[in-house]
Amino acid sequence: MAGFRAAAQAFLAAGVPVAAICGATYGLALEGLLDERAHTSNAAEYLAFTGYAGADRYVAEPAVTDGDLITASGTAPVHFARAIFARLGLYEPGVAASWFKLYGDRDPAGFYELMSA
C-alpha cells in the first residue's frame, strides 16, 4: 500500500486527479492526504483508526470531491463514478444527469434520455 500512497501524494502535488473508494481512503488517511481536504469514506470511525488529523473535514456523503481528490464510500460506486466523470469533464451536464438518473436513481427514463442525446 505504501507505493499507492506515495503515488497518490505525487499525483496530487502535480495536479493530477486521485480517486479513492472504500479501503483506498484508509491508505490516503495514513499518508495524511485527507488531513486538509474534504473527504468521505465508509464511516468516520473507520478512518479514525488511522490516527489521521482530518476528522473535522469528514463529510457524510456517498462521494466527495475536493479539488483533485475524489473519495467515496464502498457502498456508493455509482456516485463515485459520477464524481470522477464530472472532475474529468467526460460528459455534457445533461448527459451526465441522464446517466445518473439511469444508474444512480435506477430510473428507466434515463435510458431513453441517453438514447436521444
PDB file of N, CA and C in Angstrom:
ATOM      1  N   MET A   1       0.822  -1.192   0.000  1.00  0.00           N
ATOM      2  CA  MET A   1       0.000   0.000   0.000  1.00  0.00           C
ATOM      3  C   MET A   1       0.869   1.260   0.000  1.00  0.00           C
ATOM      4  N   ALA A   2       2.077   1.175   0.476  1.00  0.00           N
ATOM      5  CA  ALA A   2       2.942   2.363   0.545  1.00  0.00           C
ATOM      6  C   ALA A   2       3.179   2.947  -0.844  1.00  0.00           C
ATOM      7  N   GLY A   3       3.311   2.100  -1.861  1.00  0.00           N
ATOM      8  CA  GLY A   3       3.513   2.593  -3.227  1.00  0.00           C
ATOM      9  C   GLY A   3       2.320   3.384  -3.721  1.00  0.00           C
ATOM     10  N   PHE A   4       1.131   2.887  -3.431  1.00  0.00           N
ATOM     11  CA  PHE A   4      -0.101   3.587  -3.792  1.00  0.00           C
ATOM     12  C   PHE A   4      -0.155   4.946  -3.113  1.00  0.00           C
ATOM     13  N   ARG A   5       0.171   4.980  -1.832  1.00  0.00           N
ATOM     14  CA  ARG A   5       0.097   6.235  -1.078  1.00  0.00           C
ATOM     15  C   ARG A   5       1.095   7.247  -1.606  1.00  0.00           C
ATOM     16  N   ALA A   6       2.297   6.810  -1.911  1.00  0.00           N
ATOM     17  CA  ALA A   6       3.320   7.717  -2.443  1.00  0.00           C
ATOM     18  C   ALA A   6       2.904   8.243  -3.813  1.00  0.00           C
ATOM     19  N   ALA A   7       2.351   7.382  -4.645  1.00  0.00           N
ATOM     20  CA  ALA A   7       1.899   7.804  -5.977  1.00  0.00           C
ATOM     21  C   ALA A   7       0.759   8.809  -5.853  1.00  0.00           C
ATOM     22  N   ALA A   8      -0.187   8.549  -4.949  1.00  0.00           N
ATOM     23  CA  ALA A   8      -1.302   9.480  -4.751  1.00  0.00           C
ATOM     24  C   ALA A   8      -0.783  10.841  -4.321  1.00  0.00           C
ATOM     25  N   GLN A   9       0.184  10.854  -3.425  1.00  0.00           N
ATOM     26  CA  GLN A   9       0.751  12.119  -2.960  1.00  0.00           C
ATOM     27  C   GLN A   9       1.436  12.861  -4.109  1.00  0.00           C
ATOM     28  N   ALA A  10       2.193  12.152  -4.927  1.00  0.00           N
ATOM     29  CA  ALA A  10       2.875  12.772  -6.073  1.00  0.00           C
ATOM     30  C   ALA A  10       1.867  13.288  -7.094  1.00  0.00           C
ATOM     31  N   PHE A  11       0.840  12.516  -7.367  1.00  0.00           N
ATOM     32  CA  PHE A  11      -0.183  12.943  -8.327  1.00  0.00           C
ATOM     33  C   PHE A  11      -0.884  14.211  -7.853  1.00  0.00           C
ATOM     34  N   LEU A  12      -1.305  14.234  -6.603  1.00  0.00           N
ATOM     35  CA  LEU A  12      -1.991  15.416  -6.089  1.00  0.00           C
ATOM     36  C   LEU A  12      -1.082  16.642  -6.126  1.00  0.00           C
ATOM     37  N   ALA A  13       0.179  16.452  -5.793  1.00  0.00           N
ATOM     38  CA  ALA A  13       1.127  17.570  -5.831  1.00  0.00           C
ATOM     39  C   ALA A  13       1.302  18.110  -7.248  1.00  0.00           C
ATOM     40  N   ALA A  14       1.131  17.238  -8.244  1.00  0.00           N
ATOM     41  CA  ALA A  14       1.286  17.620  -9.653  1.00  0.00           C
ATOM     42  C   ALA A  14      -0.027  18.070 -10.288  1.00  0.00           C
ATOM     43  N   GLY A  15      -1.124  18.073  -9.521  1.00  0.00           N
ATOM     44  CA  GLY A  15      -2.413  18.484 -10.072  1.00  0.00           C
ATOM     45  C   GLY A  15      -3.122  17.401 -10.854  1.00  0.00           C
ATOM     46  N   VAL A  16      -2.755  16.157 -10.627  1.00  0.00           N
ATOM     47  CA  VAL A  16      -3.387  15.021 -11.301  1.00  0.00           C
ATOM     48  C   VAL A  16      -4.488  14.476 -10.381  1.00  0.00           C
ATOM     49  N   PRO A  17      -5.700  14.302 -10.888  1.00  0.00           N
ATOM     50  CA  PRO A  17      -6.782  13.802 -10.035  1.00  0.00           C
ATOM     51  C   PRO A  17      -6.483  12.424  -9.442  1.00  0.00           C
ATOM     52  N   VAL A  18      -6.895  12.245  -8.205  1.00  0.00           N
ATOM     53  CA  VAL A  18      -6.768  10.969  -7.495  1.00  0.00           C
ATOM     54  C   VAL A  18      -8.154  10.608  -6.980  1.00  0.00           C
ATOM     55  N   ALA A  19      -8.562   9.369  -7.200  1.00  0.00           N
ATOM     56  CA  ALA A  19      -9.870   8.900  -6.757  1.00  0.00           C
ATOM     57  C   ALA A  19      -9.676   7.660  -5.887  1.00  0.00           C
ATOM     58  N   ALA A  20     -10.328   7.646  -4.731  1.00  0.00           N
ATOM     59  CA  ALA A  20     -10.207   6.530  -3.799  1.00  0.00           C
ATOM     60  C   ALA A  20     -11.582   6.172  -3.250  1.00  0.00           C
ATOM     61  N   ILE A  21     -11.866   4.883  -3.261  1.00  0.00           N
ATOM     62  CA  ILE A  21     -13.136   4.378  -2.749  1.00  0.00           C
ATOM     63  C   ILE A  21     -12.853   3.286  -1.728  1.00  0.00           C
ATOM     64  N   CYS A  22     -13.720   3.178  -0.739  1.00  0.00           N
ATOM     65  CA  CYS A  22     -13.679   2.124   0.256  1.00  0.00           C
ATOM     66  C   CYS A  22     -12.334   2.098   0.985  1.00  0.00           C
ATOM     67  N   GLY A  23     -11.630   0.997   0.988  1.00  0.00           N
ATOM     68  CA  GLY A  23     -10.384   0.842   1.719  1.00  0.00           C
ATOM     69  C   GLY A  23      -9.261   1.735   1.237  1.00  0.00           C
ATOM     70  N   ALA A  24      -9.321   2.196  -0.009  1.00  0.00           N
ATOM     71  CA  ALA A  24      -8.273   3.085  -0.516  1.00  0.00           C
ATOM     72  C   ALA A  24      -8.266   4.413   0.243  1.00  0.00           C
ATOM     73  N   THR A  25      -9.414   4.824   0.788  1.00  0.00           N
ATOM     74  CA  THR A  25      -9.448   6.057   1.575  1.00  0.00           C
ATOM     75  C   THR A  25      -8.632   5.899   2.853  1.00  0.00           C
ATOM     76  N   TYR A  26      -8.578   4.706   3.379  1.00  0.00           N
ATOM     77  CA  TYR A  26      -7.786   4.422   4.577  1.00  0.00           C
ATOM     78  C   TYR A  26      -6.306   4.687   4.296  1.00  0.00           C
ATOM     79  N   GLY A  27      -5.841   4.238   3.141  1.00  0.00           N
ATOM     80  CA  GLY A  27      -4.455   4.485   2.747  1.00  0.00           C
ATOM     81  C   GLY A  27      -4.158   5.962   2.603  1.00  0.00           C
ATOM     82  N   LEU A  28      -5.096   6.711   2.030  1.00  0.00           N
ATOM     83  CA  LEU A  28      -4.899   8.156   1.904  1.00  0.00           C
ATOM     84  C   LEU A  28      -4.832   8.814   3.279  1.00  0.00           C
ATOM     85  N   ALA A  29      -5.666   8.342   4.191  1.00  0.00           N
ATOM     86  CA  ALA A  29      -5.648   8.891   5.556  1.00  0.00           C
ATOM     87  C   ALA A  29      -4.308   8.610   6.225  1.00  0.00           C
ATOM     88  N   LEU A  30      -3.782   7.404   6.050  1.00  0.00           N
ATOM     89  CA  LEU A  30      -2.481   7.057   6.624  1.00  0.00           C
ATOM     90  C   LEU A  30      -1.379   7.980   6.119  1.00  0.00           C
ATOM     91  N   GLU A  31      -1.490   8.388   4.869  1.00  0.00           N
ATOM     92  CA  GLU A  31      -0.476   9.243   4.247  1.00  0.00           C
ATOM     93  C   GLU A  31      -0.673  10.715   4.608  1.00  0.00           C
ATOM     94  N   GLY A  32      -1.769  11.046   5.289  1.00  0.00           N
ATOM     95  CA  GLY A  32      -2.047  12.433   5.654  1.00  0.00           C
ATOM     96  C   GLY A  32      -2.713  13.220   4.544  1.00  0.00           C
ATOM     97  N   LEU A  33      -3.143  12.531   3.484  1.00  0.00           N
ATOM     98  CA  LEU A  33      -3.719  13.217   2.330  1.00  0.00           C
ATOM     99  C   LEU A  33      -5.165  13.663   2.555  1.00  0.00           C
ATOM    100  N   LEU A  34      -5.773  13.235   3.649  1.00  0.00           N
ATOM    101  CA  LEU A  34      -7.132  13.667   3.968  1.00  0.00           C
ATOM    102  C   LEU A  34      -7.157  14.695   5.098  1.00  0.00           C
ATOM    103  N   ASP A  35      -6.004  15.030   5.613  1.00  0.00           N
ATOM    104  CA  ASP A  35      -5.935  15.944   6.757  1.00  0.00           C
ATOM    105  C   ASP A  35      -6.452  17.344   6.435  1.00  0.00           C
ATOM    106  N   GLU A  36      -6.220  17.815   5.224  1.00  0.00           N
ATOM    107  CA  GLU A  36      -6.574  19.190   4.864  1.00  0.00           C
ATOM    108  C   GLU A  36      -7.621  19.274   3.759  1.00  0.00           C
ATOM    109  N   ARG A  37      -8.228  18.145   3.415  1.00  0.00           N
ATOM    110  CA  ARG A  37      -9.195  18.124   2.319  1.00  0.00           C
ATOM    111  C   ARG A  37     -10.528  17.548   2.790  1.00  0.00           C
ATOM    112  N   ALA A  38     -11.615  18.071   2.244  1.00  0.00           N
ATOM    113  CA  ALA A  38     -12.920  17.460   2.483  1.00  0.00           C
ATOM    114  C   ALA A  38     -12.884  16.056   1.878  1.00  0.00           C
ATOM    115  N   HIS A  39     -13.476  15.109   2.566  1.00  0.00           N
ATOM    116  CA  HIS A  39     -13.415  13.717   2.113  1.00  0.00           C
ATOM    117  C   HIS A  39     -14.545  12.911   2.755  1.00  0.00           C
ATOM    118  N   THR A  40     -14.709  11.697   2.243  1.00  0.00           N
ATOM    119  CA  THR A  40     -15.625  10.736   2.837  1.00  0.00           C
ATOM    120  C   THR A  40     -14.973   9.369   2.793  1.00  0.00           C
ATOM    121  N   SER A  41     -15.664   8.388   3.302  1.00  0.00           N
ATOM    122  CA  SER A  41     -15.180   7.005   3.313  1.00  0.00           C
ATOM    123  C   SER A  41     -16.353   6.123   3.716  1.00  0.00           C
ATOM    124  N   ASN A  42     -16.049   4.944   4.197  1.00  0.00           N
ATOM    125  CA  ASN A  42     -17.102   4.031   4.642  1.00  0.00           C
ATOM    126  C   ASN A  42     -17.793   4.537   5.906  1.00  0.00           C
ATOM    127  N   ALA A  43     -17.038   5.185   6.785  1.00  0.00           N
ATOM    128  CA  ALA A  43     -17.569   5.788   8.017  1.00  0.00           C
ATOM    129  C   ALA A  43     -16.447   6.603   8.641  1.00  0.00           C
ATOM    130  N   ALA A  44     -16.818   7.637   9.367  1.00  0.00           N
ATOM    131  CA  ALA A  44     -15.815   8.466  10.051  1.00  0.00           C
ATOM    132  C   ALA A  44     -15.000   7.610  11.023  1.00  0.00           C
ATOM    133  N   GLU A  45     -15.659   6.685  11.706  1.00  0.00           N
ATOM    134  CA  GLU A  45     -14.982   5.822  12.676  1.00  0.00           C
ATOM    135  C   GLU A  45     -13.943   4.928  12.008  1.00  0.00           C
ATOM    136  N   TYR A  46     -14.214   4.527  10.789  1.00  0.00           N
ATOM    137  CA  TYR A  46     -13.280   3.691  10.029  1.00  0.00           C
ATOM    138  C   TYR A  46     -11.954   4.426   9.832  1.00  0.00           C
ATOM    139  N   LEU A  47     -12.025   5.677   9.409  1.00  0.00           N
ATOM    140  CA  LEU A  47     -10.804   6.458   9.191  1.00  0.00           C
ATOM    141  C   LEU A  47     -10.133   6.843  10.506  1.00  0.00           C
ATOM    142  N   ALA A  48     -10.895   6.968  11.574  1.00  0.00           N
ATOM    143  CA  ALA A  48     -10.322   7.348  12.866  1.00  0.00           C
ATOM    144  C   ALA A  48      -9.261   6.352  13.320  1.00  0.00           C
ATOM    145  N   PHE A  49      -9.389   5.096  12.927  1.00  0.00           N
ATOM    146  CA  PHE A  49      -8.406   4.086  13.299  1.00  0.00           C
ATOM    147  C   PHE A  49      -7.017   4.383  12.738  1.00  0.00           C
ATOM    148  N   THR A  50      -6.936   5.232  11.719  1.00  0.00           N
ATOM    149  CA  THR A  50      -5.628   5.571  11.138  1.00  0.00           C
ATOM    150  C   THR A  50      -4.870   6.568  12.002  1.00  0.00           C
ATOM    151  N   GLY A  51      -5.584   7.281  12.863  1.00  0.00           N
ATOM    152  CA  GLY A  51      -4.956   8.321  13.667  1.00  0.00           C
ATOM    153  C   GLY A  51      -4.728   9.599  12.884  1.00  0.00           C
ATOM    154  N   TYR A  52      -5.405   9.748  11.749  1.00  0.00           N
ATOM    155  CA  TYR A  52      -5.204  10.925  10.912  1.00  0.00           C
ATOM    156  C   TYR A  52      -5.764  12.177  11.565  1.00  0.00           C
ATOM    157  N   ALA A  53      -5.371  13.332  11.031  1.00  0.00           N
ATOM    158  CA  ALA A  53      -5.758  14.613  11.630  1.00  0.00           C
ATOM    159  C   ALA A  53      -6.887  15.311  10.872  1.00  0.00           C
ATOM    160  N   GLY A  54      -7.580  14.590   9.997  1.00  0.00           N
ATOM    161  CA  GLY A  54      -8.596  15.237   9.166  1.00  0.00           C
ATOM    162  C   GLY A  54     -10.030  14.938   9.529  1.00  0.00           C
ATOM    163  N   ALA A  55     -10.282  14.439  10.721  1.00  0.00           N
ATOM    164  CA  ALA A  55     -11.649  14.057  11.087  1.00  0.00           C
ATOM    165  C   ALA A  55     -12.629  15.215  10.957  1.00  0.00           C
ATOM    166  N   ASP A  56     -12.175  16.434  11.178  1.00  0.00           N
ATOM    167  CA  ASP A  56     -13.074  17.587  11.072  1.00  0.00           C
ATOM    168  C   ASP A  56     -13.423  17.922   9.628  1.00  0.00           C
ATOM    169  N   ARG A  57     -12.746  17.304   8.672  1.00  0.00           N
ATOM    170  CA  ARG A  57     -13.023  17.528   7.248  1.00  0.00           C
ATOM    171  C   ARG A  57     -13.866  16.402   6.652  1.00  0.00           C
ATOM    172  N   TYR A  58     -14.247  15.423   7.471  1.00  0.00           N
ATOM    173  CA  TYR A  58     -15.054  14.305   7.003  1.00  0.00           C
ATOM    174  C   TYR A  58     -16.461  14.786   6.668  1.00  0.00           C
ATOM    175  N   VAL A  59     -16.983  14.333   5.525  1.00  0.00           N
ATOM    176  CA  VAL A  59     -18.327  14.687   5.076  1.00  0.00           C
ATOM    177  C   VAL A  59     -19.110  13.384   4.905  1.00  0.00           C
ATOM    178  N   ALA A  60     -20.237  13.277   5.560  1.00  0.00           N
ATOM    179  CA  ALA A  60     -21.063  12.066   5.484  1.00  0.00           C
ATOM    180  C   ALA A  60     -21.915  12.091   4.220  1.00  0.00           C
ATOM    181  N   GLU A  61     -21.284  11.889   3.090  1.00  0.00           N
ATOM    182  CA  GLU A  61     -21.942  11.833   1.778  1.00  0.00           C
ATOM    183  C   GLU A  61     -21.408  10.614   1.033  1.00  0.00           C
ATOM    184  N   PRO A  62     -22.125  10.137   0.012  1.00  0.00           N
ATOM    185  CA  PRO A  62     -21.648   8.970  -0.745  1.00  0.00           C
ATOM    186  C   PRO A  62     -20.310   9.210  -1.444  1.00  0.00           C
ATOM    187  N   ALA A  63     -20.122  10.423  -1.995  1.00  0.00           N
ATOM    188  CA  ALA A  63     -18.876  10.770  -2.671  1.00  0.00           C
ATOM    189  C   ALA A  63     -18.600  12.251  -2.439  1.00  0.00           C
ATOM    190  N   VAL A  64     -17.324  12.586  -2.324  1.00  0.00           N
ATOM    191  CA  VAL A  64     -16.915  13.964  -2.066  1.00  0.00           C
ATOM    192  C   VAL A  64     -15.732  14.300  -2.973  1.00  0.00           C
ATOM    193  N   THR A  65     -15.797  15.476  -3.603  1.00  0.00           N
ATOM    194  CA  THR A  65     -14.687  15.969  -4.410  1.00  0.00           C
ATOM    195  C   THR A  65     -14.141  17.228  -3.761  1.00  0.00           C
ATOM    196  N   ASP A  66     -12.834  17.265  -3.575  1.00  0.00           N
ATOM    197  CA  ASP A  66     -12.147  18.450  -3.070  1.00  0.00           C
ATOM    198  C   ASP A  66     -10.964  18.695  -4.000  1.00  0.00           C
ATOM    199  N   GLY A  67     -11.158  19.581  -4.955  1.00  0.00           N
ATOM    200  CA  GLY A  67     -10.100  19.834  -5.939  1.00  0.00           C
ATOM    201  C   GLY A  67      -9.833  18.598  -6.767  1.00  0.00           C
ATOM    202  N   ASP A  68      -8.610  18.099  -6.670  1.00  0.00           N
ATOM    203  CA  ASP A  68      -8.218  16.920  -7.451  1.00  0.00           C
ATOM    204  C   ASP A  68      -8.430  15.609  -6.711  1.00  0.00           C
ATOM    205  N   LEU A  69      -8.993  15.659  -5.520  1.00  0.00           N
ATOM    206  CA  LEU A  69      -9.204  14.442  -4.743  1.00  0.00           C
ATOM    207  C   LEU A  69     -10.686  14.075  -4.708  1.00  0.00           C
ATOM    208  N   ILE A  70     -10.974  12.826  -5.065  1.00  0.00           N
ATOM    209  CA  ILE A  70     -12.330  12.287  -5.033  1.00  0.00           C
ATOM    210  C   ILE A  70     -12.317  11.079  -4.108  1.00  0.00           C
ATOM    211  N   THR A  71     -13.217  11.078  -3.131  1.00  0.00           N
ATOM    212  CA  THR A  71     -13.330   9.941  -2.218  1.00  0.00           C
ATOM    213  C   THR A  71     -14.778   9.473  -2.184  1.00  0.00           C
ATOM    214  N   ALA A  72     -14.951   8.199  -1.859  1.00  0.00           N
ATOM    215  CA  ALA A  72     -16.309   7.649  -1.806  1.00  0.00           C
ATOM    216  C   ALA A  72     -16.383   6.472  -0.861  1.00  0.00           C
ATOM    217  N   SER A  73     -17.591   6.243  -0.387  1.00  0.00           N
ATOM    218  CA  SER A  73     -17.894   5.062   0.402  1.00  0.00           C
ATOM    219  C   SER A  73     -17.907   3.843  -0.514  1.00  0.00           C
ATOM    220  N   GLY A  74     -17.545   2.711   0.025  1.00  0.00           N
ATOM    221  CA  GLY A  74     -17.577   1.486  -0.758  1.00  0.00           C
ATOM    222  C   GLY A  74     -18.968   1.084  -1.202  1.00  0.00           C
ATOM    223  N   THR A  75     -19.980   1.665  -0.583  1.00  0.00           N
ATOM    224  CA  THR A  75     -21.354   1.345  -0.956  1.00  0.00           C
ATOM    225  C   THR A  75     -21.907   2.305  -2.002  1.00  0.00           C
ATOM    226  N   ALA A  76     -21.062   3.167  -2.553  1.00  0.00           N
ATOM    227  CA  ALA A  76     -21.534   4.190  -3.493  1.00  0.00           C
ATOM    228  C   ALA A  76     -20.730   4.217  -4.794  1.00  0.00           C
ATOM    229  N   PRO A  77     -20.595   3.088  -5.485  1.00  0.00           N
ATOM    230  CA  PRO A  77     -19.779   3.096  -6.701  1.00  0.00           C
ATOM    231  C   PRO A  77     -20.333   3.972  -7.820  1.00  0.00           C
ATOM    232  N   VAL A  78     -21.642   4.108  -7.912  1.00  0.00           N
ATOM    233  CA  VAL A  78     -22.214   4.942  -8.977  1.00  0.00           C
ATOM    234  C   VAL A  78     -21.973   6.420  -8.669  1.00  0.00           C
ATOM    235  N   HIS A  79     -22.098   6.812  -7.415  1.00  0.00           N
ATOM    236  CA  HIS A  79     -21.788   8.189  -7.022  1.00  0.00           C
ATOM    237  C   HIS A  79     -20.304   8.485  -7.260  1.00  0.00           C
ATOM    238  N   PHE A  80     -19.470   7.504  -6.970  1.00  0.00           N
ATOM    239  CA  PHE A  80     -18.026   7.621  -7.193  1.00  0.00           C
ATOM    240  C   PHE A  80     -17.730   7.850  -8.673  1.00  0.00           C
ATOM    241  N   ALA A  81     -18.335   7.028  -9.519  1.00  0.00           N
ATOM    242  CA  ALA A  81     -18.133   7.178 -10.967  1.00  0.00           C
ATOM    243  C   ALA A  81     -18.618   8.546 -11.441  1.00  0.00           C
ATOM    244  N   ARG A  82     -19.776   8.978 -10.951  1.00  0.00           N
ATOM    245  CA  ARG A  82     -20.300  10.288 -11.349  1.00  0.00           C
ATOM    246  C   ARG A  82     -19.324  11.402 -10.969  1.00  0.00           C
ATOM    247  N   ALA A  83     -18.739  11.321  -9.783  1.00  0.00           N
ATOM    248  CA  ALA A  83     -17.783  12.342  -9.352  1.00  0.00           C
ATOM    249  C   ALA A  83     -16.531  12.327 -10.234  1.00  0.00           C
ATOM    250  N   ILE A  84     -16.079  11.160 -10.605  1.00  0.00           N
ATOM    251  CA  ILE A  84     -14.913  11.049 -11.495  1.00  0.00           C
ATOM    252  C   ILE A  84     -15.244  11.625 -12.863  1.00  0.00           C
ATOM    253  N   PHE A  85     -16.381  11.241 -13.412  1.00  0.00           N
ATOM    254  CA  PHE A  85     -16.793  11.765 -14.718  1.00  0.00           C
ATOM    255  C   PHE A  85     -16.871  13.286 -14.699  1.00  0.00           C
ATOM    256  N   ALA A  86     -17.436  13.830 -13.619  1.00  0.00           N
ATOM    257  CA  ALA A  86     -17.571  15.290 -13.510  1.00  0.00           C
ATOM    258  C   ALA A  86     -16.203  15.955 -13.437  1.00  0.00           C
ATOM    259  N   ARG A  87     -15.312  15.415 -12.612  1.00  0.00           N
ATOM    260  CA  ARG A  87     -13.978  16.013 -12.463  1.00  0.00           C
ATOM    261  C   ARG A  87     -13.215  15.991 -13.780  1.00  0.00           C
ATOM    262  N   LEU A  88     -13.378  14.931 -14.541  1.00  0.00           N
ATOM    263  CA  LEU A  88     -12.674  14.798 -15.828  1.00  0.00           C
ATOM    264  C   LEU A  88     -13.420  15.471 -16.972  1.00  0.00           C
ATOM    265  N   GLY A  89     -14.641  15.916 -16.723  1.00  0.00           N
ATOM    266  CA  GLY A  89     -15.429  16.574 -17.763  1.00  0.00           C
ATOM    267  C   GLY A  89     -15.763  15.661 -18.925  1.00  0.00           C
ATOM    268  N   LEU A  90     -16.071  14.407 -18.634  1.00  0.00           N
ATOM    269  CA  LEU A  90     -16.310  13.423 -19.690  1.00  0.00           C
ATOM    270  C   LEU A  90     -17.627  13.595 -20.418  1.00  0.00           C
ATOM    271  N   TYR A  91     -18.645  14.101 -19.734  1.00  0.00           N
ATOM    272  CA  TYR A  91     -19.963  14.209 -20.340  1.00  0.00           C
ATOM    273  C   TYR A  91     -20.496  15.624 -20.226  1.00  0.00           C
ATOM    274  N   GLU A  92     -21.327  15.992 -21.179  1.00  0.00           N
ATOM    275  CA  GLU A  92     -22.076  17.244 -21.070  1.00  0.00           C
ATOM    276  C   GLU A  92     -22.979  17.111 -19.845  1.00  0.00           C
ATOM    277  N   PRO A  93     -23.305  18.209 -19.180  1.00  0.00           N
ATOM    278  CA  PRO A  93     -24.133  18.111 -17.964  1.00  0.00           C
ATOM    279  C   PRO A  93     -25.442  17.345 -18.140  1.00  0.00           C
ATOM    280  N   GLY A  94     -26.146  17.542 -19.247  1.00  0.00           N
ATOM    281  CA  GLY A  94     -27.403  16.832 -19.462  1.00  0.00           C
ATOM    282  C   GLY A  94     -27.204  15.333 -19.610  1.00  0.00           C
ATOM    283  N   VAL A  95     -26.151  14.946 -20.297  1.00  0.00           N
ATOM    284  CA  VAL A  95     -25.854  13.517 -20.465  1.00  0.00           C
ATOM    285  C   VAL A  95     -25.474  12.910 -19.121  1.00  0.00           C
ATOM    286  N   ALA A  96     -24.663  13.635 -18.358  1.00  0.00           N
ATOM    287  CA  ALA A  96     -24.262  13.145 -17.033  1.00  0.00           C
ATOM    288  C   ALA A  96     -25.490  12.972 -16.132  1.00  0.00           C
ATOM    289  N   ALA A  97     -26.415  13.905 -16.195  1.00  0.00           N
ATOM    290  CA  ALA A  97     -27.628  13.810 -15.379  1.00  0.00           C
ATOM    291  C   ALA A  97     -28.470  12.607 -15.796  1.00  0.00           C
ATOM    292  N   SER A  98     -28.574  12.363 -17.100  1.00  0.00           N
ATOM    293  CA  SER A  98     -29.337  11.203 -17.577  1.00  0.00           C
ATOM    294  C   SER A  98     -28.654   9.904 -17.194  1.00  0.00           C
ATOM    295  N   TRP A  99     -27.325   9.874 -17.269  1.00  0.00           N
ATOM    296  CA  TRP A  99     -26.554   8.692 -16.873  1.00  0.00           C
ATOM    297  C   TRP A  99     -26.825   8.369 -15.407  1.00  0.00           C
ATOM    298  N   PHE A 100     -26.776   9.397 -14.539  1.00  0.00           N
ATOM    299  CA  PHE A 100     -27.020   9.153 -13.126  1.00  0.00           C
ATOM    300  C   PHE A 100     -28.479   8.784 -12.867  1.00  0.00           C
ATOM    301  N   LYS A 101     -29.385   9.358 -13.633  1.00  0.00           N
ATOM    302  CA  LYS A 101     -30.799   9.003 -13.487  1.00  0.00           C
ATOM    303  C   LYS A 101     -30.970   7.502 -13.716  1.00  0.00           C
ATOM    304  N   LEU A 102     -30.298   6.986 -14.747  1.00  0.00           N
ATOM    305  CA  LEU A 102     -30.411   5.571 -15.081  1.00  0.00           C
ATOM    306  C   LEU A 102     -29.696   4.686 -14.059  1.00  0.00           C
ATOM    307  N   TYR A 103     -28.430   4.976 -13.786  1.00  0.00           N
ATOM    308  CA  TYR A 103     -27.628   4.080 -12.957  1.00  0.00           C
ATOM    309  C   TYR A 103     -27.677   4.398 -11.468  1.00  0.00           C
ATOM    310  N   GLY A 104     -27.810   5.663 -11.111  1.00  0.00           N
ATOM    311  CA  GLY A 104     -27.863   6.037  -9.701  1.00  0.00           C
ATOM    312  C   GLY A 104     -29.258   5.955  -9.129  1.00  0.00           C
ATOM    313  N   ASP A 105     -30.205   6.538  -9.866  1.00  0.00           N
ATOM    314  CA  ASP A 105     -31.600   6.534  -9.409  1.00  0.00           C
ATOM    315  C   ASP A 105     -32.369   5.318  -9.894  1.00  0.00           C
ATOM    316  N   ARG A 106     -31.783   4.575 -10.825  1.00  0.00           N
ATOM    317  CA  ARG A 106     -32.418   3.392 -11.428  1.00  0.00           C
ATOM    318  C   ARG A 106     -33.745   3.726 -12.076  1.00  0.00           C
ATOM    319  N   ASP A 107     -33.750   4.882 -12.707  1.00  0.00           N
ATOM    320  CA  ASP A 107     -34.948   5.362 -13.390  1.00  0.00           C
ATOM    321  C   ASP A 107     -34.792   5.058 -14.883  1.00  0.00           C
ATOM    322  N   PRO A 108     -35.641   4.204 -15.455  1.00  0.00           N
ATOM    323  CA  PRO A 108     -35.528   3.846 -16.864  1.00  0.00           C
ATOM    324  C   PRO A 108     -35.617   5.042 -17.808  1.00  0.00           C
ATOM    325  N   ALA A 109     -36.194   6.136 -17.366  1.00  0.00           N
ATOM    326  CA  ALA A 109     -36.276   7.324 -18.222  1.00  0.00           C
ATOM    327  C   ALA A 109     -34.882   7.800 -18.621  1.00  0.00           C
ATOM    328  N   GLY A 110     -33.904   7.551 -17.755  1.00  0.00           N
ATOM    329  CA  GLY A 110     -32.531   7.934 -18.074  1.00  0.00           C
ATOM    330  C   GLY A 110     -32.017   7.237 -19.314  1.00  0.00           C
ATOM    331  N   PHE A 111     -32.418   5.992 -19.526  1.00  0.00           N
ATOM    332  CA  PHE A 111     -32.017   5.253 -20.724  1.00  0.00           C
ATOM    333  C   PHE A 111     -32.512   5.942 -21.987  1.00  0.00           C
ATOM    334  N   TYR A 112     -33.766   6.332 -21.999  1.00  0.00           N
ATOM    335  CA  TYR A 112     -34.349   6.965 -23.167  1.00  0.00           C
ATOM    336  C   TYR A 112     -33.736   8.353 -23.408  1.00  0.00           C
ATOM    337  N   GLU A 113     -33.429   9.035 -22.326  1.00  0.00           N
ATOM    338  CA  GLU A 113     -32.754  10.335 -22.461  1.00  0.00           C
ATOM    339  C   GLU A 113     -31.370  10.129 -23.066  1.00  0.00           C
ATOM    340  N   LEU A 114     -30.654   9.116 -22.628  1.00  0.00           N
ATOM    341  CA  LEU A 114     -29.322   8.864 -23.181  1.00  0.00           C
ATOM    342  C   LEU A 114     -29.388   8.482 -24.659  1.00  0.00           C
ATOM    343  N   MET A 115     -30.379   7.716 -25.014  1.00  0.00           N
ATOM    344  CA  MET A 115     -30.520   7.286 -26.402  1.00  0.00           C
ATOM    345  C   MET A 115     -30.834   8.474 -27.318  1.00  0.00           C
ATOM    346  N   SER A 116     -31.473   9.483 -26.780  1.00  0.00           N
ATOM    347  CA  SER A 116     -31.815  10.627 -27.619  1.00  0.00           C
ATOM    348  C   SER A 116     -30.765  11.741 -27.558  1.00  0.00           C
ATOM    349  N   ALA A 117     -29.782  11.572 -26.705  1.00  0.00           N
ATOM    350  CA  ALA A 117     -28.727  12.608 -26.568  1.00  0.00           C
ATOM    351  C   ALA A 117     -27.702  12.522 -27.678  1.00  0.00           C
TER     352      ALA A 117
END
